[in-house]
Amino acid sequence: MTSNRRTFFKKTGLGVTALAATPLLGKAIAPEKKAEFAPRKIPYELGMAGYTFVKFPLEDTLRMTQRVGITHLCIKDFHLPLDSSEKDIEQFHQKCAEYGIKGYAVGPIYMRNVDQVNQAFEYAKRVGVRMIVGVPNYEMLPLVDEKVKEYDFRYAIHNHGPGDELYPIPSVIHEKIKNLDRRIGMCHDVGHTWRYGYDPVKMTLEYGDRIYDMHIKDVTEASSKGTSCEMGRGIIDFPALFDAVARTGYSGKCSIEFEKDNTDPLAGIAECVGYYNAVHDMM
C-alpha cells in the first residue's frame, strides 16, 4: 500500500485494522446507532481523455469506456479526423450513442498557424461540441481570442509538463491568457504539473477560475523521470485534489488519461475509476 493510499485510509477512518474489524463491528453496533453520512454534492463528472486509447480504434475505445461506466469522452482526432465529412461525424455520433457515450470536447489539438486555428474551430462546430482543448503557439493567441468570441466556445489550453516549451504548468498558461477573453482557460493535466515539480492541488486552488477541463492521472515522482501509474499508487494526493476542485466550484469533467500501458489499459483504467469513486464516496 502506497503512502498516498495510507493517507486516504487514515483520512476516511478506514485504516487496515479498521477494515479487518469491520464485520465484527457491524454485529456489535445496533443499526439505530450508526452514524448518518451525507456526502458532499460534487458538481463535476468523470470523463475519459481520448488519448488513453491512442492504440485502439473507435469501437474498442467505446467498448472499454462503457465497461468502466464512463459516459463522456474528450474526442481525439485519430478517432475523428479534423477533415471528417458530415457523414463521418454523423456516423461517429451514432456509434458513440450505441455505447451510451457522448463527446464533450475535442482535443488536444496543436495549432501552429492560422490555417490550423481556423480548421480547429470549424471542426469543433461541425462535431457539435462547445469546447476545444488546444495547444496554440503564442503568436496564435490573438487569433484564438477572436475565434472564441466569434464561435462562443470555451478554449482550454493543455499543459504538458517537462519538455513542453510552451505550456508546462497552469501558471505559465495563466500568464499568457490573463488579459484575453474569459472563454480562454486551461485544461489542467495534474500529472504533468507534478512532473514539473509543482503541486497540482495548489495550482488548482490558485487558477481554478480559469480551469475548464481536467486530465487526471497519477505519477510515480515529482520530476521528469515520473511516469504514469494507476490513481492512488503514485504521489498525487487525490482526496486533497478533489476537495480543491470542489472548492473552486468547477463543473466540468475530470477525465482519466491513463498512459501506463497504451496497449492493454482496461485493468488500469478500471482501478482508476474504482479509486476515484471511493474517494468521492467519502467526500
Protein backbone atom coordinates (compact mmCIF):
# COMPACT_ATOMS: atom_id res chain seq x y z
CA MET A 1 0.00 0.00 0.00
CA THR A 2 1.45 3.39 -1.02
CA SER A 3 1.75 6.34 1.36
CA ASN A 4 -0.93 8.11 -0.70
CA ARG A 5 -3.37 5.26 -0.05
CA ARG A 6 -2.41 5.06 3.61
CA THR A 7 -3.14 8.78 3.91
CA PHE A 8 -6.52 8.29 2.23
CA PHE A 9 -7.49 5.45 4.58
CA LYS A 10 -6.39 7.46 7.61
CA LYS A 11 -8.41 10.49 6.50
CA THR A 12 -11.51 8.39 5.91
CA GLY A 13 -11.08 6.35 9.09
CA LEU A 14 -10.52 3.15 7.12
CA GLY A 15 -7.12 2.02 8.33
CA VAL A 16 -6.07 -1.59 7.77
CA THR A 17 -7.12 -2.57 11.30
CA ALA A 18 -10.50 -0.93 10.91
CA LEU A 19 -11.08 -2.67 7.60
CA ALA A 20 -10.24 -6.04 9.09
CA ALA A 21 -12.53 -5.42 12.07
CA THR A 22 -15.49 -4.11 10.12
CA PRO A 23 -17.57 -7.35 10.12
CA LEU A 24 -17.22 -7.68 13.90
CA LEU A 25 -18.05 -4.05 14.49
CA GLY A 26 -21.06 -4.36 12.23
CA LYS A 27 -22.50 -7.04 14.51
CA ALA A 28 -21.75 -5.14 17.71
CA ILE A 29 -23.38 -1.82 16.79
CA ALA A 30 -27.14 -1.62 16.64
CA PRO A 31 -28.45 -0.20 13.34
CA GLU A 32 -30.15 2.76 15.03
CA LYS A 33 -26.82 3.89 16.48
CA LYS A 34 -24.91 4.00 13.20
CA ALA A 35 -23.86 7.48 12.12
CA GLU A 36 -25.67 9.14 9.23
CA PHE A 37 -23.41 10.09 6.32
CA ALA A 38 -24.37 12.80 3.87
CA PRO A 39 -21.80 13.02 1.04
CA ARG A 40 -20.91 16.43 -0.39
CA LYS A 41 -22.57 17.17 -3.71
CA ILE A 42 -19.83 17.00 -6.33
CA PRO A 43 -20.52 19.41 -9.23
CA TYR A 44 -18.24 17.70 -11.76
CA GLU A 45 -18.27 14.36 -13.60
CA LEU A 46 -15.76 11.70 -14.52
CA GLY A 47 -14.80 11.58 -18.18
CA MET A 48 -12.26 9.89 -20.43
CA ALA A 49 -9.44 11.57 -22.32
CA GLY A 50 -9.32 10.13 -25.82
CA TYR A 51 -5.52 9.89 -25.86
CA THR A 52 -5.82 6.96 -23.43
CA PHE A 53 -6.85 4.87 -26.45
CA VAL A 54 -4.23 6.04 -28.94
CA LYS A 55 -3.55 2.40 -29.89
CA PHE A 56 -7.20 1.45 -30.36
CA PRO A 57 -9.91 2.04 -32.97
CA LEU A 58 -13.09 3.85 -32.02
CA GLU A 59 -15.28 0.83 -31.29
CA ASP A 60 -12.74 -0.70 -28.89
CA THR A 61 -12.42 2.72 -27.24
CA LEU A 62 -16.16 3.00 -26.72
CA ARG A 63 -16.47 -0.59 -25.52
CA MET A 64 -13.80 -0.12 -22.84
CA THR A 65 -15.15 3.27 -21.81
CA GLN A 66 -18.61 1.79 -21.40
CA ARG A 67 -17.26 -1.15 -19.37
CA VAL A 68 -15.84 1.19 -16.72
CA GLY A 69 -19.05 3.20 -16.51
CA ILE A 70 -17.86 6.45 -18.10
CA THR A 71 -20.23 8.29 -20.43
CA HIS A 72 -18.22 11.37 -21.57
CA LEU A 73 -15.28 11.40 -23.97
CA CYS A 74 -12.80 14.10 -24.96
CA ILE A 75 -12.52 13.33 -28.69
CA LYS A 76 -9.10 12.87 -30.27
CA ASP A 77 -8.57 13.40 -33.97
CA PHE A 78 -7.25 9.86 -34.52
CA HIS A 79 -10.82 8.71 -33.79
CA LEU A 80 -12.48 11.55 -35.70
CA PRO A 81 -10.06 13.29 -38.10
CA LEU A 82 -10.10 17.06 -38.48
CA ASP A 83 -11.12 16.74 -42.14
CA SER A 84 -14.04 14.40 -41.42
CA SER A 85 -17.08 14.79 -43.64
CA GLU A 86 -20.54 15.48 -42.27
CA LYS A 87 -21.36 11.82 -42.86
CA ASP A 88 -18.26 10.74 -40.93
CA ILE A 89 -19.29 12.93 -38.00
CA GLU A 90 -22.86 11.63 -38.07
CA GLN A 91 -21.62 8.02 -38.06
CA PHE A 92 -19.22 8.83 -35.21
CA HIS A 93 -22.03 10.17 -33.04
CA GLN A 94 -24.25 7.21 -33.90
CA LYS A 95 -21.54 4.79 -32.84
CA CYS A 96 -20.98 6.70 -29.59
CA ALA A 97 -24.72 6.65 -28.89
CA GLU A 98 -24.78 2.85 -29.26
CA TYR A 99 -22.49 2.70 -26.22
CA GLY A 100 -24.21 5.48 -24.28
CA ILE A 101 -21.24 7.82 -24.67
CA LYS A 102 -21.14 11.48 -25.68
CA GLY A 103 -18.23 13.60 -26.83
CA TYR A 104 -17.96 16.71 -24.68
CA ALA A 105 -14.88 18.38 -26.22
CA VAL A 106 -12.25 17.88 -28.93
CA GLY A 107 -8.51 17.77 -28.44
CA PRO A 108 -5.82 18.35 -27.58
CA ILE A 109 -5.28 19.96 -30.97
CA TYR A 110 -1.98 21.66 -31.78
CA MET A 111 -2.29 24.99 -33.58
CA ARG A 112 0.90 26.37 -35.07
CA ASN A 113 -0.52 28.59 -37.80
CA VAL A 114 -3.63 30.47 -38.91
CA ASP A 115 -4.99 27.63 -41.02
CA GLN A 116 -4.80 25.19 -38.12
CA VAL A 117 -6.66 27.58 -35.80
CA ASN A 118 -9.40 28.14 -38.38
CA GLN A 119 -9.68 24.42 -39.09
CA ALA A 120 -9.93 23.52 -35.40
CA PHE A 121 -12.79 25.92 -34.69
CA GLU A 122 -14.75 24.81 -37.76
CA TYR A 123 -14.11 21.18 -36.82
CA ALA A 124 -15.47 21.70 -33.29
CA LYS A 125 -18.53 23.45 -34.70
CA ARG A 126 -19.24 20.60 -37.12
CA VAL A 127 -18.69 17.99 -34.41
CA GLY A 128 -21.19 19.83 -32.21
CA VAL A 129 -19.11 20.48 -29.09
CA ARG A 130 -18.55 23.81 -27.37
CA MET A 131 -15.02 23.34 -26.06
CA ILE A 132 -11.64 22.88 -27.71
CA VAL A 133 -8.68 21.55 -25.77
CA GLY A 134 -5.80 23.17 -27.59
CA VAL A 135 -2.09 23.87 -27.68
CA PRO A 136 -1.65 27.10 -29.67
CA ASN A 137 1.68 28.73 -30.45
CA TYR A 138 1.98 32.02 -28.60
CA GLU A 139 1.63 34.05 -31.79
CA MET A 140 -1.74 32.36 -32.44
CA LEU A 141 -3.29 33.55 -29.16
CA PRO A 142 -4.68 36.83 -30.59
CA LEU A 143 -6.47 34.83 -33.29
CA VAL A 144 -7.77 32.33 -30.72
CA ASP A 145 -9.06 35.31 -28.75
CA GLU A 146 -11.01 36.45 -31.81
CA LYS A 147 -12.33 32.97 -32.52
CA VAL A 148 -13.76 32.29 -29.06
CA LYS A 149 -15.79 35.48 -29.42
CA GLU A 150 -16.94 34.56 -32.92
CA TYR A 151 -17.92 30.96 -32.05
CA ASP A 152 -18.74 31.45 -28.36
CA PHE A 153 -16.65 28.38 -27.48
CA ARG A 154 -14.51 27.68 -24.48
CA TYR A 155 -10.87 27.07 -25.28
CA ALA A 156 -8.80 25.11 -22.74
CA ILE A 157 -5.03 25.16 -23.15
CA HIS A 158 -3.41 21.87 -22.12
CA ASN A 159 -0.19 21.81 -20.07
CA HIS A 160 2.34 19.04 -20.77
CA GLY A 161 4.99 19.36 -18.06
CA PRO A 162 8.71 18.73 -18.64
CA GLY A 163 9.70 19.11 -22.28
CA ASP A 164 6.78 21.41 -23.10
CA GLU A 165 8.38 24.66 -24.20
CA LEU A 166 5.03 26.44 -24.47
CA TYR A 167 2.77 25.49 -21.55
CA PRO A 168 4.40 23.21 -18.95
CA ILE A 169 2.18 24.23 -16.00
CA PRO A 170 -1.02 26.22 -15.36
CA SER A 171 0.81 29.33 -14.10
CA VAL A 172 2.51 29.72 -17.49
CA ILE A 173 -0.84 29.38 -19.25
CA HIS A 174 -2.43 31.93 -16.92
CA GLU A 175 0.31 34.45 -17.59
CA LYS A 176 -0.37 34.20 -21.33
CA ILE A 177 -4.19 34.35 -21.12
CA LYS A 178 -4.93 36.57 -18.14
CA ASN A 179 -5.75 39.57 -20.34
CA LEU A 180 -7.59 37.57 -23.01
CA ASP A 181 -11.27 36.72 -23.27
CA ARG A 182 -12.53 34.75 -20.25
CA ARG A 183 -13.62 31.94 -22.56
CA ILE A 184 -9.93 31.07 -22.91
CA GLY A 185 -8.77 28.98 -19.97
CA MET A 186 -6.87 25.80 -19.34
CA CYS A 187 -7.08 22.04 -19.32
CA HIS A 188 -5.17 21.12 -16.17
CA ASP A 189 -3.21 17.90 -16.56
CA VAL A 190 -2.41 17.23 -12.91
CA GLY A 191 0.18 14.54 -13.60
CA HIS A 192 2.25 16.76 -15.85
CA THR A 193 2.06 19.56 -13.28
CA TRP A 194 3.62 17.30 -10.62
CA ARG A 195 6.22 16.01 -13.09
CA TYR A 196 7.31 19.64 -13.47
CA GLY A 197 7.71 19.86 -9.70
CA TYR A 198 4.59 21.87 -8.84
CA ASP A 199 1.78 20.72 -6.54
CA PRO A 200 -1.41 20.30 -8.63
CA VAL A 201 -3.56 20.94 -5.54
CA LYS A 202 -2.06 24.42 -5.09
CA MET A 203 -2.28 25.11 -8.81
CA THR A 204 -5.95 24.08 -8.84
CA LEU A 205 -6.79 26.40 -5.97
CA GLU A 206 -4.84 29.30 -7.47
CA TYR A 207 -6.11 29.10 -11.05
CA GLY A 208 -9.41 27.27 -10.61
CA ASP A 209 -11.48 30.10 -12.05
CA ARG A 210 -9.81 29.55 -15.45
CA ILE A 211 -9.72 25.72 -15.41
CA TYR A 212 -12.31 24.49 -17.92
CA ASP A 213 -11.20 20.87 -18.33
CA MET A 214 -9.04 18.43 -16.35
CA HIS A 215 -6.99 15.40 -17.34
CA ILE A 216 -6.27 13.31 -14.29
CA LYS A 217 -3.50 10.77 -13.89
CA ASP A 218 -1.17 9.69 -11.10
CA VAL A 219 2.61 9.76 -11.44
CA THR A 220 5.47 7.99 -9.70
CA GLU A 221 7.55 11.05 -8.77
CA ALA A 222 7.63 14.84 -9.00
CA SER A 223 10.28 15.08 -11.70
CA SER A 224 10.74 14.50 -15.42
CA LYS A 225 11.52 10.87 -14.52
CA GLY A 226 7.99 10.43 -13.15
CA THR A 227 5.83 8.04 -15.12
CA SER A 228 2.09 7.46 -15.30
CA CYS A 229 0.54 4.92 -12.94
CA GLU A 230 -2.85 3.90 -11.57
CA MET A 231 -4.54 6.56 -9.44
CA GLY A 232 -3.68 6.05 -5.79
CA ARG A 233 -0.42 4.22 -6.50
CA GLY A 234 1.62 7.37 -7.11
CA ILE A 235 2.36 10.60 -5.27
CA ILE A 236 -0.69 12.76 -6.02
CA ASP A 237 -2.93 13.40 -3.02
CA PHE A 238 -6.24 12.87 -4.82
CA PRO A 239 -8.51 13.41 -1.79
CA ALA A 240 -6.91 16.85 -1.38
CA LEU A 241 -7.04 17.47 -5.13
CA PHE A 242 -10.74 16.65 -5.48
CA ASP A 243 -11.50 18.71 -2.41
CA ALA A 244 -9.68 21.63 -4.05
CA VAL A 245 -11.59 21.09 -7.30
CA ALA A 246 -14.90 21.17 -5.41
CA ARG A 247 -13.88 24.32 -3.54
CA THR A 248 -13.26 26.18 -6.81
CA GLY A 249 -16.82 25.43 -7.97
CA TYR A 250 -15.51 23.57 -11.01
CA SER A 251 -18.34 21.97 -13.00
CA GLY A 252 -16.54 20.44 -15.98
CA LYS A 253 -15.13 16.95 -16.44
CA CYS A 254 -12.28 15.20 -14.66
CA SER A 255 -11.14 12.94 -17.48
CA ILE A 256 -8.91 9.96 -16.83
CA GLU A 257 -5.87 9.90 -19.09
CA PHE A 258 -4.22 6.55 -18.48
CA GLU A 259 -0.81 6.30 -20.14
CA LYS A 260 0.91 3.49 -18.22
CA ASP A 261 0.11 0.86 -20.84
CA ASN A 262 -1.49 2.11 -24.05
CA THR A 263 -1.62 -1.42 -25.46
CA ASP A 264 -3.61 -3.01 -22.59
CA PRO A 265 -5.16 -0.23 -20.50
CA LEU A 266 -8.51 -1.63 -19.33
CA ALA A 267 -7.47 -3.07 -15.95
CA GLY A 268 -5.57 0.10 -15.07
CA ILE A 269 -8.46 2.34 -16.10
CA ALA A 270 -10.88 0.25 -14.04
CA GLU A 271 -8.62 0.63 -11.00
CA CYS A 272 -8.52 4.40 -11.53
CA VAL A 273 -12.31 4.56 -11.74
CA GLY A 274 -12.69 2.49 -8.58
CA TYR A 275 -10.25 4.69 -6.69
CA TYR A 276 -11.94 7.88 -7.93
CA ASN A 277 -15.34 6.61 -6.83
CA ALA A 278 -14.02 5.52 -3.45
CA VAL A 279 -12.53 8.96 -2.79
CA HIS A 280 -15.75 10.70 -3.80
CA ASP A 281 -17.92 8.40 -1.73
CA MET A 282 -16.04 9.65 1.34
CA MET A 283 -16.25 13.35 0.49
